[in-house]
PDB file of N, CA and C in Angstrom:
ATOM      1  N   MET A   1      17.770  -8.203  11.356  1.00  0.00           N
ATOM      2  CA  MET A   1      17.184  -9.711  10.580  1.00  0.00           C
ATOM      3  C   MET A   1      17.772 -10.705  10.275  1.00  0.00           C
ATOM      4  N   ILE A   2      19.239 -10.569   9.960  1.00  0.00           N
ATOM      5  CA  ILE A   2      20.078 -11.758   9.535  1.00  0.00           C
ATOM      6  C   ILE A   2      20.298 -12.722  11.374  1.00  0.00           C
ATOM      7  N   ASN A   3      20.849 -11.394  11.839  1.00  0.00           N
ATOM      8  CA  ASN A   3      20.957 -11.965  13.497  1.00  0.00           C
ATOM      9  C   ASN A   3      19.925 -12.989  14.008  1.00  0.00           C
ATOM     10  N   ARG A   4      19.180 -12.335  13.915  1.00  0.00           N
ATOM     11  CA  ARG A   4      17.742 -12.822  14.570  1.00  0.00           C
ATOM     12  C   ARG A   4      17.290 -14.209  13.863  1.00  0.00           C
ATOM     13  N   ARG A   5      17.693 -13.738  12.351  1.00  0.00           N
ATOM     14  CA  ARG A   5      17.379 -15.557  11.663  1.00  0.00           C
ATOM     15  C   ARG A   5      16.012 -15.456  11.259  1.00  0.00           C
ATOM     16  N   GLU A   6      15.094 -14.015  11.288  1.00  0.00           N
ATOM     17  CA  GLU A   6      14.155 -14.503  10.641  1.00  0.00           C
ATOM     18  C   GLU A   6      13.670 -12.874  10.428  1.00  0.00           C
ATOM     19  N   GLY A   7      12.421 -12.394   9.414  1.00  0.00           N
ATOM     20  CA  GLY A   7      12.072 -11.594   9.069  1.00  0.00           C
ATOM     21  C   GLY A   7      11.141 -10.884   7.628  1.00  0.00           C
ATOM     22  N   LYS A   8      10.950 -10.256   7.513  1.00  0.00           N
ATOM     23  CA  LYS A   8      10.070  -9.527   6.411  1.00  0.00           C
ATOM     24  C   LYS A   8      10.092  -8.491   5.443  1.00  0.00           C
ATOM     25  N   ILE A   9      10.250  -8.716   4.777  1.00  0.00           N
ATOM     26  CA  ILE A   9      10.858  -6.692   3.831  1.00  0.00           C
ATOM     27  C   ILE A   9       9.436  -7.142   2.145  1.00  0.00           C
ATOM     28  N   ILE A  10       9.181  -6.069   2.078  1.00  0.00           N
ATOM     29  CA  ILE A  10       8.012  -5.863   1.408  1.00  0.00           C
ATOM     30  C   ILE A  10       8.629  -3.966   0.612  1.00  0.00           C
ATOM     31  N   HIS A  11       8.888  -4.969  -0.780  1.00  0.00           N
ATOM     32  CA  HIS A  11       9.570  -3.441  -1.729  1.00  0.00           C
ATOM     33  C   HIS A  11       7.907  -2.839  -2.551  1.00  0.00           C
ATOM     34  N   ILE A  12       7.719  -1.251  -2.321  1.00  0.00           N
ATOM     35  CA  ILE A  12       6.963  -1.385  -3.020  1.00  0.00           C
ATOM     36  C   ILE A  12       7.540  -1.139  -4.898  1.00  0.00           C
ATOM     37  N   CYS A  13       6.654  -1.696  -5.753  1.00  0.00           N
ATOM     38  CA  CYS A  13       6.980  -1.924  -6.559  1.00  0.00           C
ATOM     39  C   CYS A  13       6.167  -1.249  -7.661  1.00  0.00           C
ATOM     40  N   SER A  14       5.314  -1.720  -8.892  1.00  0.00           N
ATOM     41  CA  SER A  14       4.608  -1.102  -9.533  1.00  0.00           C
ATOM     42  C   SER A  14       4.590  -1.444 -11.223  1.00  0.00           C
ATOM     43  N   MET A  15       3.144  -1.711 -11.511  1.00  0.00           N
ATOM     44  CA  MET A  15       2.785  -1.972 -13.027  1.00  0.00           C
ATOM     45  C   MET A  15       3.724  -2.078 -14.026  1.00  0.00           C
ATOM     46  N   GLN A  16       4.089  -1.245 -13.649  1.00  0.00           N
ATOM     47  CA  GLN A  16       5.641  -0.898 -14.755  1.00  0.00           C
ATOM     48  C   GLN A  16       6.966  -1.595 -14.831  1.00  0.00           C
ATOM     49  N   SER A  17       6.683  -1.834 -13.642  1.00  0.00           N
ATOM     50  CA  SER A  17       8.037  -3.381 -14.329  1.00  0.00           C
ATOM     51  C   SER A  17       7.506  -4.007 -15.044  1.00  0.00           C
ATOM     52  N   GLU A  18       6.681  -4.602 -15.262  1.00  0.00           N
ATOM     53  CA  GLU A  18       5.854  -5.383 -16.130  1.00  0.00           C
ATOM     54  C   GLU A  18       5.667  -5.037 -17.412  1.00  0.00           C
ATOM     55  N   LEU A  19       5.383  -3.940 -17.636  1.00  0.00           N
ATOM     56  CA  LEU A  19       4.894  -3.184 -18.548  1.00  0.00           C
ATOM     57  C   LEU A  19       5.600  -2.081 -19.572  1.00  0.00           C
ATOM     58  N   GLY A  20       5.533  -1.223 -20.759  1.00  0.00           N
ATOM     59  CA  GLY A  20       6.427  -0.495 -21.235  1.00  0.00           C
ATOM     60  C   GLY A  20       5.571   0.527 -21.607  1.00  0.00           C
ATOM     61  N   ARG A  21       6.289   2.039 -21.712  1.00  0.00           N
ATOM     62  CA  ARG A  21       5.166   3.413 -22.089  1.00  0.00           C
ATOM     63  C   ARG A  21       5.710   4.378 -22.493  1.00  0.00           C
ATOM     64  N   ASP A  22       6.243   4.693 -23.439  1.00  0.00           N
ATOM     65  CA  ASP A  22       6.683   5.402 -23.746  1.00  0.00           C
ATOM     66  C   ASP A  22       7.008   6.501 -23.264  1.00  0.00           C
ATOM     67  N   THR A  23       6.451   7.519 -22.474  1.00  0.00           N
ATOM     68  CA  THR A  23       6.513   8.647 -21.733  1.00  0.00           C
ATOM     69  C   THR A  23       7.097   8.328 -20.034  1.00  0.00           C
ATOM     70  N   ILE A  24       7.210   7.329 -19.706  1.00  0.00           N
ATOM     71  CA  ILE A  24       7.515   7.228 -18.512  1.00  0.00           C
ATOM     72  C   ILE A  24       8.701   6.137 -18.738  1.00  0.00           C
ATOM     73  N   THR A  25       9.844   5.826 -19.463  1.00  0.00           N
ATOM     74  CA  THR A  25      11.041   5.406 -19.090  1.00  0.00           C
ATOM     75  C   THR A  25      11.107   5.158 -18.079  1.00  0.00           C
ATOM     76  N   PRO A  26      12.202   6.428 -17.713  1.00  0.00           N
ATOM     77  CA  PRO A  26      12.814   6.361 -16.525  1.00  0.00           C
ATOM     78  C   PRO A  26      12.148   6.059 -15.333  1.00  0.00           C
ATOM     79  N   TYR A  27      11.008   5.767 -14.615  1.00  0.00           N
ATOM     80  CA  TYR A  27      10.308   5.390 -13.926  1.00  0.00           C
ATOM     81  C   TYR A  27      10.311   4.127 -14.110  1.00  0.00           C
ATOM     82  N   ALA A  28       9.400   3.590 -15.506  1.00  0.00           N
ATOM     83  CA  ALA A  28       9.567   1.873 -15.745  1.00  0.00           C
ATOM     84  C   ALA A  28      10.937   1.409 -15.338  1.00  0.00           C
ATOM     85  N   GLY A  29      12.095   1.710 -15.816  1.00  0.00           N
ATOM     86  CA  GLY A  29      13.702   1.187 -15.454  1.00  0.00           C
ATOM     87  C   GLY A  29      13.722   1.160 -13.945  1.00  0.00           C
ATOM     88  N   SER A  30      13.454   2.241 -13.511  1.00  0.00           N
ATOM     89  CA  SER A  30      13.489   1.934 -12.066  1.00  0.00           C
ATOM     90  C   SER A  30      12.991   1.096 -11.390  1.00  0.00           C
ATOM     91  N   LYS A  31      11.382   0.819 -11.807  1.00  0.00           N
ATOM     92  CA  LYS A  31      10.217  -0.366 -11.049  1.00  0.00           C
ATOM     93  C   LYS A  31      11.009  -1.505 -11.356  1.00  0.00           C
ATOM     94  N   GLY A  32      11.793  -1.906 -12.561  1.00  0.00           N
ATOM     95  CA  GLY A  32      12.294  -2.669 -13.123  1.00  0.00           C
ATOM     96  C   GLY A  32      13.955  -3.159 -12.290  1.00  0.00           C
ATOM     97  N   SER A  33      13.911  -2.062 -12.210  1.00  0.00           N
ATOM     98  CA  SER A  33      15.506  -2.654 -10.968  1.00  0.00           C
ATOM     99  C   SER A  33      14.449  -3.247  -9.568  1.00  0.00           C
ATOM    100  N   VAL A  34      13.911  -2.711  -9.544  1.00  0.00           N
ATOM    101  CA  VAL A  34      13.153  -2.695  -7.965  1.00  0.00           C
ATOM    102  C   VAL A  34      12.746  -4.433  -8.066  1.00  0.00           C
ATOM    103  N   LYS A  35      12.243  -4.477  -8.937  1.00  0.00           N
ATOM    104  CA  LYS A  35      11.840  -6.188  -9.175  1.00  0.00           C
ATOM    105  C   LYS A  35      12.938  -7.013  -8.925  1.00  0.00           C
ATOM    106  N   MET A  36      13.616  -6.501  -9.942  1.00  0.00           N
ATOM    107  CA  MET A  36      15.338  -7.694  -9.760  1.00  0.00           C
ATOM    108  C   MET A  36      15.737  -7.226  -8.793  1.00  0.00           C
ATOM    109  N   LEU A  37      15.636  -6.440  -7.903  1.00  0.00           N
ATOM    110  CA  LEU A  37      16.098  -6.441  -6.333  1.00  0.00           C
ATOM    111  C   LEU A  37      15.661  -7.407  -5.614  1.00  0.00           C
ATOM    112  N   VAL A  38      14.587  -7.233  -5.784  1.00  0.00           N
ATOM    113  CA  VAL A  38      13.296  -8.382  -4.900  1.00  0.00           C
ATOM    114  C   VAL A  38      13.739  -9.607  -5.035  1.00  0.00           C
ATOM    115  N   LYS A  39      13.616  -9.767  -6.698  1.00  0.00           N
ATOM    116  CA  LYS A  39      14.576 -11.523  -6.785  1.00  0.00           C
ATOM    117  C   LYS A  39      15.750 -12.324  -6.041  1.00  0.00           C
ATOM    118  N   GLY A  40      16.639 -11.195  -6.228  1.00  0.00           N
ATOM    119  CA  GLY A  40      18.061 -11.437  -5.666  1.00  0.00           C
ATOM    120  C   GLY A  40      17.891 -11.382  -4.573  1.00  0.00           C
ATOM    121  N   MET A  41      17.182 -10.663  -3.690  1.00  0.00           N
ATOM    122  CA  MET A  41      17.294 -10.794  -2.129  1.00  0.00           C
ATOM    123  C   MET A  41      16.596 -11.405  -1.428  1.00  0.00           C
ATOM    124  N   CYS A  42      15.434 -12.118  -2.530  1.00  0.00           N
ATOM    125  CA  CYS A  42      14.991 -13.580  -2.326  1.00  0.00           C
ATOM    126  C   CYS A  42      16.002 -14.909  -2.023  1.00  0.00           C
ATOM    127  N   VAL A  43      16.760 -14.868  -3.427  1.00  0.00           N
ATOM    128  CA  VAL A  43      17.885 -15.635  -3.387  1.00  0.00           C
ATOM    129  C   VAL A  43      19.022 -15.733  -1.979  1.00  0.00           C
ATOM    130  N   GLU A  44      19.126 -14.564  -1.967  1.00  0.00           N
ATOM    131  CA  GLU A  44      20.262 -14.527  -1.090  1.00  0.00           C
ATOM    132  C   GLU A  44      20.124 -14.113   0.531  1.00  0.00           C
ATOM    133  N   LEU A  45      18.534 -13.589   0.504  1.00  0.00           N
ATOM    134  CA  LEU A  45      18.299 -14.301   2.678  1.00  0.00           C
ATOM    135  C   LEU A  45      17.186 -15.190   2.708  1.00  0.00           C
ATOM    136  N   ALA A  46      17.051 -15.635   1.590  1.00  0.00           N
ATOM    137  CA  ALA A  46      16.239 -17.060   2.203  1.00  0.00           C
ATOM    138  C   ALA A  46      17.110 -18.093   2.706  1.00  0.00           C
ATOM    139  N   ARG A  47      18.448 -18.205   3.309  1.00  0.00           N
ATOM    140  CA  ARG A  47      18.668 -18.808   4.082  1.00  0.00           C
ATOM    141  C   ARG A  47      19.231 -18.436   5.436  1.00  0.00           C
ATOM    142  N   TYR A  48      18.513 -16.794   5.964  1.00  0.00           N
ATOM    143  CA  TYR A  48      18.568 -16.500   7.195  1.00  0.00           C
ATOM    144  C   TYR A  48      16.903 -16.639   7.818  1.00  0.00           C
ATOM    145  N   ASN A  49      16.107 -17.355   6.635  1.00  0.00           N
ATOM    146  CA  ASN A  49      14.575 -17.096   6.709  1.00  0.00           C
ATOM    147  C   ASN A  49      13.868 -15.865   6.827  1.00  0.00           C
ATOM    148  N   ILE A  50      14.482 -14.637   5.940  1.00  0.00           N
ATOM    149  CA  ILE A  50      13.934 -13.629   6.021  1.00  0.00           C
ATOM    150  C   ILE A  50      13.118 -13.600   4.543  1.00  0.00           C
ATOM    151  N   GLN A  51      12.036 -12.988   4.346  1.00  0.00           N
ATOM    152  CA  GLN A  51      11.295 -13.361   3.470  1.00  0.00           C
ATOM    153  C   GLN A  51      11.003 -12.175   2.478  1.00  0.00           C
ATOM    154  N   VAL A  52      10.957 -11.967   1.299  1.00  0.00           N
ATOM    155  CA  VAL A  52      10.896 -11.023   0.698  1.00  0.00           C
ATOM    156  C   VAL A  52       9.903 -11.004  -0.583  1.00  0.00           C
ATOM    157  N   ASN A  53       9.311  -9.952  -0.685  1.00  0.00           N
ATOM    158  CA  ASN A  53       8.460  -9.361  -1.782  1.00  0.00           C
ATOM    159  C   ASN A  53       8.211  -8.461  -2.045  1.00  0.00           C
ATOM    160  N   GLY A  54       7.793  -8.208  -3.325  1.00  0.00           N
ATOM    161  CA  GLY A  54       7.339  -6.816  -3.852  1.00  0.00           C
ATOM    162  C   GLY A  54       6.022  -6.700  -4.227  1.00  0.00           C
ATOM    163  N   ILE A  55       4.871  -5.196  -3.667  1.00  0.00           N
ATOM    164  CA  ILE A  55       3.950  -5.338  -4.448  1.00  0.00           C
ATOM    165  C   ILE A  55       4.035  -4.660  -5.483  1.00  0.00           C
ATOM    166  N   GLY A  56       3.048  -5.277  -6.736  1.00  0.00           N
ATOM    167  CA  GLY A  56       3.178  -4.520  -7.796  1.00  0.00           C
ATOM    168  C   GLY A  56       2.304  -3.372  -7.784  1.00  0.00           C
ATOM    169  N   TYR A  57       0.444  -4.332  -8.365  1.00  0.00           N
ATOM    170  CA  TYR A  57      -0.321  -2.637  -8.158  1.00  0.00           C
ATOM    171  C   TYR A  57      -1.917  -3.781  -7.883  1.00  0.00           C
ATOM    172  N   PHE A  58      -2.973  -2.845  -7.581  1.00  0.00           N
ATOM    173  CA  PHE A  58      -3.837  -3.490  -6.911  1.00  0.00           C
ATOM    174  C   PHE A  58      -5.009  -3.372  -8.217  1.00  0.00           C
ATOM    175  N   ASP A  59      -6.128  -4.181  -8.370  1.00  0.00           N
ATOM    176  CA  ASP A  59      -6.643  -4.031  -9.441  1.00  0.00           C
ATOM    177  C   ASP A  59      -7.206  -3.184  -8.591  1.00  0.00           C
ATOM    178  N   THR A  60      -8.050  -2.127  -9.148  1.00  0.00           N
ATOM    179  CA  THR A  60      -8.823  -0.941  -8.554  1.00  0.00           C
ATOM    180  C   THR A  60      -9.220   0.009  -9.198  1.00  0.00           C
ATOM    181  N   GLU A  61     -10.461   0.431  -9.180  1.00  0.00           N
ATOM    182  CA  GLU A  61     -11.640   1.111  -9.847  1.00  0.00           C
ATOM    183  C   GLU A  61     -10.037   2.524 -10.566  1.00  0.00           C
ATOM    184  N   MET A  62      -9.154   2.793  -9.750  1.00  0.00           N
ATOM    185  CA  MET A  62      -8.573   3.824 -10.253  1.00  0.00           C
ATOM    186  C   MET A  62      -7.436   3.305 -11.343  1.00  0.00           C
ATOM    187  N   CYS A  63      -6.847   2.009 -11.397  1.00  0.00           N
ATOM    188  CA  CYS A  63      -6.236   1.665 -12.385  1.00  0.00           C
ATOM    189  C   CYS A  63      -6.426   0.167 -13.611  1.00  0.00           C
ATOM    190  N   LYS A  64      -8.032   0.583 -13.195  1.00  0.00           N
ATOM    191  CA  LYS A  64      -8.804  -0.242 -14.285  1.00  0.00           C
ATOM    192  C   LYS A  64      -8.960   0.149 -15.631  1.00  0.00           C
ATOM    193  N   ALA A  65      -9.013   1.269 -15.868  1.00  0.00           N
ATOM    194  CA  ALA A  65      -9.192   2.272 -16.986  1.00  0.00           C
ATOM    195  C   ALA A  65      -7.408   1.993 -17.771  1.00  0.00           C
ATOM    196  N   LEU A  66      -6.620   2.230 -17.058  1.00  0.00           N
ATOM    197  CA  LEU A  66      -5.233   2.229 -17.791  1.00  0.00           C
ATOM    198  C   LEU A  66      -4.987   0.475 -17.766  1.00  0.00           C
ATOM    199  N   VAL A  67      -5.163  -0.795 -17.035  1.00  0.00           N
ATOM    200  CA  VAL A  67      -5.290  -1.745 -17.609  1.00  0.00           C
ATOM    201  C   VAL A  67      -5.421  -2.348 -18.998  1.00  0.00           C
ATOM    202  N   LYS A  68      -7.102  -2.123 -19.153  1.00  0.00           N
ATOM    203  CA  LYS A  68      -7.648  -2.219 -20.010  1.00  0.00           C
ATOM    204  C   LYS A  68      -7.429  -1.347 -20.945  1.00  0.00           C
ATOM    205  N   ASN A  69      -7.006  -0.505 -21.213  1.00  0.00           N
ATOM    206  CA  ASN A  69      -6.425   0.545 -22.248  1.00  0.00           C
ATOM    207  C   ASN A  69      -5.345  -0.117 -23.128  1.00  0.00           C
ATOM    208  N   LYS A  70      -5.141  -0.718 -24.120  1.00  0.00           N
ATOM    209  CA  LYS A  70      -3.954  -2.005 -24.959  1.00  0.00           C
ATOM    210  C   LYS A  70      -3.038  -0.610 -25.360  1.00  0.00           C
ATOM    211  N   GLU A  71      -3.625   0.423 -25.483  1.00  0.00           N
ATOM    212  CA  GLU A  71      -2.217   1.843 -25.868  1.00  0.00           C
ATOM    213  C   GLU A  71      -1.243   1.874 -25.113  1.00  0.00           C
ATOM    214  N   PHE A  72      -1.995   1.744 -23.655  1.00  0.00           N
ATOM    215  CA  PHE A  72      -0.831   1.750 -22.165  1.00  0.00           C
ATOM    216  C   PHE A  72      -0.543   0.745 -22.373  1.00  0.00           C
ATOM    217  N   THR A  73      -0.911  -0.731 -22.377  1.00  0.00           N
ATOM    218  CA  THR A  73      -0.200  -2.107 -21.508  1.00  0.00           C
ATOM    219  C   THR A  73       0.552  -2.720 -22.488  1.00  0.00           C
ATOM    220  N   SER A  74       0.893  -2.361 -23.867  1.00  0.00           N
ATOM    221  CA  SER A  74       1.501  -2.806 -24.760  1.00  0.00           C
ATOM    222  C   SER A  74       3.078  -2.316 -25.065  1.00  0.00           C
TER     223      SER A  74
END
């Protein structure tokens, strides 16, 4: 990508890179790291016309109950 001076990179993040939950601390920590990796790569690779994005989560029926659960999203 650097040699071609173009490209797109997509990382899979999670809602847990934004939220805290006591039962999944290692998972949330790793996803928080992915979020910061995306930010760093954006800065580092922008000069090569390489776009870097992180996909968090989609508001679907499957995760709607979690998003609305105040205990889960605190």
